[in-house]
Structure formats: structure tokens, C-alpha cells
Amino acid sequence: MVKVLTILFIFITVTIYAEAENKKIDNDLHYTKKIFRSKQNLLVKKDLNKQCLISSDKSFNSIKDYKKYNSLDACIQSGGWR
């Protein structure tokens, strides 16, 4: 009986800790980053200097002449740099 209670206590403790960590991560992220968390669907722009910019970069929205990529890896493989 003591072993069962010990295992149950450990399980509950780990579950509570994991939930607290998830809430901490969720609170640190902007709502758009929560929605578009997948790196596979990340919007990337390559500017005229061949710099690859992800949507969270400060200058991302100010770039007017660019080529759009679906991933950072695809942008870098096309000759861009980060």
C-alpha cells in the first residue's frame, strides 16, 4: 500500500510540475506564436542581401523586396544566411 501511495504521489507531483511549465511557456509566448508554433509552417523572407528573416524578427514587416519561404532551412539552402 505504501508503494502505491508513493508512486501516486510522484505521478501527481510530476503532472503538476509539467502543467506549471506548460503554463509558463504559454505565458511567455505572444498569442500568434502559440498558434503558429510549428517550425514547418514558419513564414520566412529572404531580402535583397540574402538575409533570411523569420516572422518574429523586428525588421520582418519592413522588408518590401523579398522572396517568401515556408521554412528557415529552405531559405538557407537557397543561398540565404541567418
C-alpha atoms as a PDB file:
ATOM      1  CA  MET A   1       0.000   0.000   0.000  1.00  0.00           C
ATOM      2  CA  VAL A   2       2.868   2.387   0.808  1.00  0.00           C
ATOM      3  CA  LYS A   3       4.478   1.737  -2.592  1.00  0.00           C
ATOM      4  CA  VAL A   4       1.214   2.507  -4.378  1.00  0.00           C
ATOM      5  CA  LEU A   5       0.780   5.756  -2.470  1.00  0.00           C
ATOM      6  CA  THR A   6       4.402   6.736  -3.141  1.00  0.00           C
ATOM      7  CA  ILE A   7       4.027   6.097  -6.862  1.00  0.00           C
ATOM      8  CA  LEU A   8       0.738   8.011  -6.909  1.00  0.00           C
ATOM      9  CA  PHE A   9       2.341  10.936  -5.081  1.00  0.00           C
ATOM     10  CA  ILE A  10       5.268  11.029  -7.527  1.00  0.00           C
ATOM     11  CA  PHE A  11       2.907  10.867 -10.512  1.00  0.00           C
ATOM     12  CA  ILE A  12       0.774  13.743  -9.193  1.00  0.00           C
ATOM     13  CA  THR A  13       3.855  15.835  -8.412  1.00  0.00           C
ATOM     14  CA  VAL A  14       5.324  15.324 -11.883  1.00  0.00           C
ATOM     15  CA  THR A  15       1.967  16.112 -13.513  1.00  0.00           C
ATOM     16  CA  ILE A  16       1.583  19.355 -11.554  1.00  0.00           C
ATOM     17  CA  TYR A  17       5.152  20.386 -12.390  1.00  0.00           C
ATOM     18  CA  ALA A  18       4.648  19.649 -16.100  1.00  0.00           C
ATOM     19  CA  GLU A  19       1.437  21.690 -16.183  1.00  0.00           C
ATOM     20  CA  ALA A  20       3.176  24.601 -14.463  1.00  0.00           C
ATOM     21  CA  GLU A  21       5.990  24.511 -17.020  1.00  0.00           C
ATOM     22  CA  ASN A  22       3.498  24.430 -19.905  1.00  0.00           C
ATOM     23  CA  LYS A  23       1.675  27.453 -18.500  1.00  0.00           C
ATOM     24  CA  LYS A  24       4.975  29.270 -18.066  1.00  0.00           C
ATOM     25  CA  ILE A  25       5.892  28.619 -21.707  1.00  0.00           C
ATOM     26  CA  ASP A  26       2.416  29.632 -22.891  1.00  0.00           C
ATOM     27  CA  ASN A  27       2.535  32.863 -20.876  1.00  0.00           C
ATOM     28  CA  ASP A  28       5.932  33.796 -22.312  1.00  0.00           C
ATOM     29  CA  LEU A  29       4.747  33.495 -25.919  1.00  0.00           C
ATOM     30  CA  HIS A  30       2.763  36.043 -27.882  1.00  0.00           C
ATOM     31  CA  TYR A  31      -0.614  34.653 -28.944  1.00  0.00           C
ATOM     32  CA  THR A  32       0.460  34.418 -32.585  1.00  0.00           C
ATOM     33  CA  LYS A  33       3.477  32.329 -31.623  1.00  0.00           C
ATOM     34  CA  LYS A  34       1.206  29.995 -29.671  1.00  0.00           C
ATOM     35  CA  ILE A  35      -0.908  29.468 -32.768  1.00  0.00           C
ATOM     36  CA  PHE A  36       1.960  29.164 -35.254  1.00  0.00           C
ATOM     37  CA  ARG A  37       4.429  27.267 -33.079  1.00  0.00           C
ATOM     38  CA  SER A  38       5.302  24.709 -35.756  1.00  0.00           C
ATOM     39  CA  LYS A  39       8.667  25.326 -37.423  1.00  0.00           C
ATOM     40  CA  GLN A  40       7.383  23.611 -40.549  1.00  0.00           C
ATOM     41  CA  ASN A  41       4.859  26.394 -41.240  1.00  0.00           C
ATOM     42  CA  LEU A  42       7.151  29.283 -40.378  1.00  0.00           C
ATOM     43  CA  LEU A  43       6.995  32.263 -42.738  1.00  0.00           C
ATOM     44  CA  VAL A  44      10.477  33.312 -43.821  1.00  0.00           C
ATOM     45  CA  LYS A  45      11.545  36.205 -46.055  1.00  0.00           C
ATOM     46  CA  LYS A  46      14.879  36.470 -47.874  1.00  0.00           C
ATOM     47  CA  ASP A  47      15.762  40.101 -48.558  1.00  0.00           C
ATOM     48  CA  LEU A  48      17.951  41.556 -51.294  1.00  0.00           C
ATOM     49  CA  ASN A  49      21.054  40.987 -49.129  1.00  0.00           C
ATOM     50  CA  LYS A  50      20.104  37.289 -48.955  1.00  0.00           C
ATOM     51  CA  GLN A  51      19.402  37.515 -45.226  1.00  0.00           C
ATOM     52  CA  CYS A  52      16.703  35.098 -44.066  1.00  0.00           C
ATOM     53  CA  LEU A  53      14.270  36.770 -41.676  1.00  0.00           C
ATOM     54  CA  ILE A  54      11.665  34.921 -39.643  1.00  0.00           C
ATOM     55  CA  SER A  55       8.348  36.495 -38.692  1.00  0.00           C
ATOM     56  CA  SER A  56       9.497  37.258 -35.130  1.00  0.00           C
ATOM     57  CA  ASP A  57      12.415  39.449 -36.313  1.00  0.00           C
ATOM     58  CA  LYS A  58      11.933  43.174 -35.689  1.00  0.00           C
ATOM     59  CA  SER A  59      12.625  44.155 -39.301  1.00  0.00           C
ATOM     60  CA  PHE A  60      10.438  41.400 -40.798  1.00  0.00           C
ATOM     61  CA  ASN A  61       7.466  43.652 -41.617  1.00  0.00           C
ATOM     62  CA  SER A  62       9.609  46.463 -43.009  1.00  0.00           C
ATOM     63  CA  ILE A  63      11.120  44.310 -45.790  1.00  0.00           C
ATOM     64  CA  LYS A  64       9.442  45.232 -49.080  1.00  0.00           C
ATOM     65  CA  ASP A  65      11.507  43.341 -51.686  1.00  0.00           C
ATOM     66  CA  TYR A  66      11.796  39.704 -50.686  1.00  0.00           C
ATOM     67  CA  LYS A  67      11.273  36.099 -51.660  1.00  0.00           C
ATOM     68  CA  LYS A  68       8.985  34.058 -49.399  1.00  0.00           C
ATOM     69  CA  TYR A  69       9.885  30.613 -47.984  1.00  0.00           C
ATOM     70  CA  ASN A  70       7.972  28.151 -45.818  1.00  0.00           C
ATOM     71  CA  SER A  71      10.943  27.270 -43.626  1.00  0.00           C
ATOM     72  CA  LEU A  72      14.231  28.726 -42.476  1.00  0.00           C
ATOM     73  CA  ASP A  73      16.064  25.665 -43.792  1.00  0.00           C
ATOM     74  CA  ALA A  74      14.638  26.211 -47.291  1.00  0.00           C
ATOM     75  CA  CYS A  75      15.754  29.851 -47.223  1.00  0.00           C
ATOM     76  CA  ILE A  76      19.291  28.975 -46.126  1.00  0.00           C
ATOM     77  CA  GLN A  77      19.554  26.153 -48.689  1.00  0.00           C
ATOM     78  CA  SER A  78      18.664  28.661 -51.403  1.00  0.00           C
ATOM     79  CA  GLY A  79      21.766  30.687 -50.562  1.00  0.00           C
ATOM     80  CA  GLY A  80      20.463  32.825 -47.705  1.00  0.00           C
ATOM     81  CA  TRP A  81      22.100  33.436 -44.358  1.00  0.00           C
ATOM     82  CA  ARG A  82      20.794  33.981 -40.843  1.00  0.00           C
END
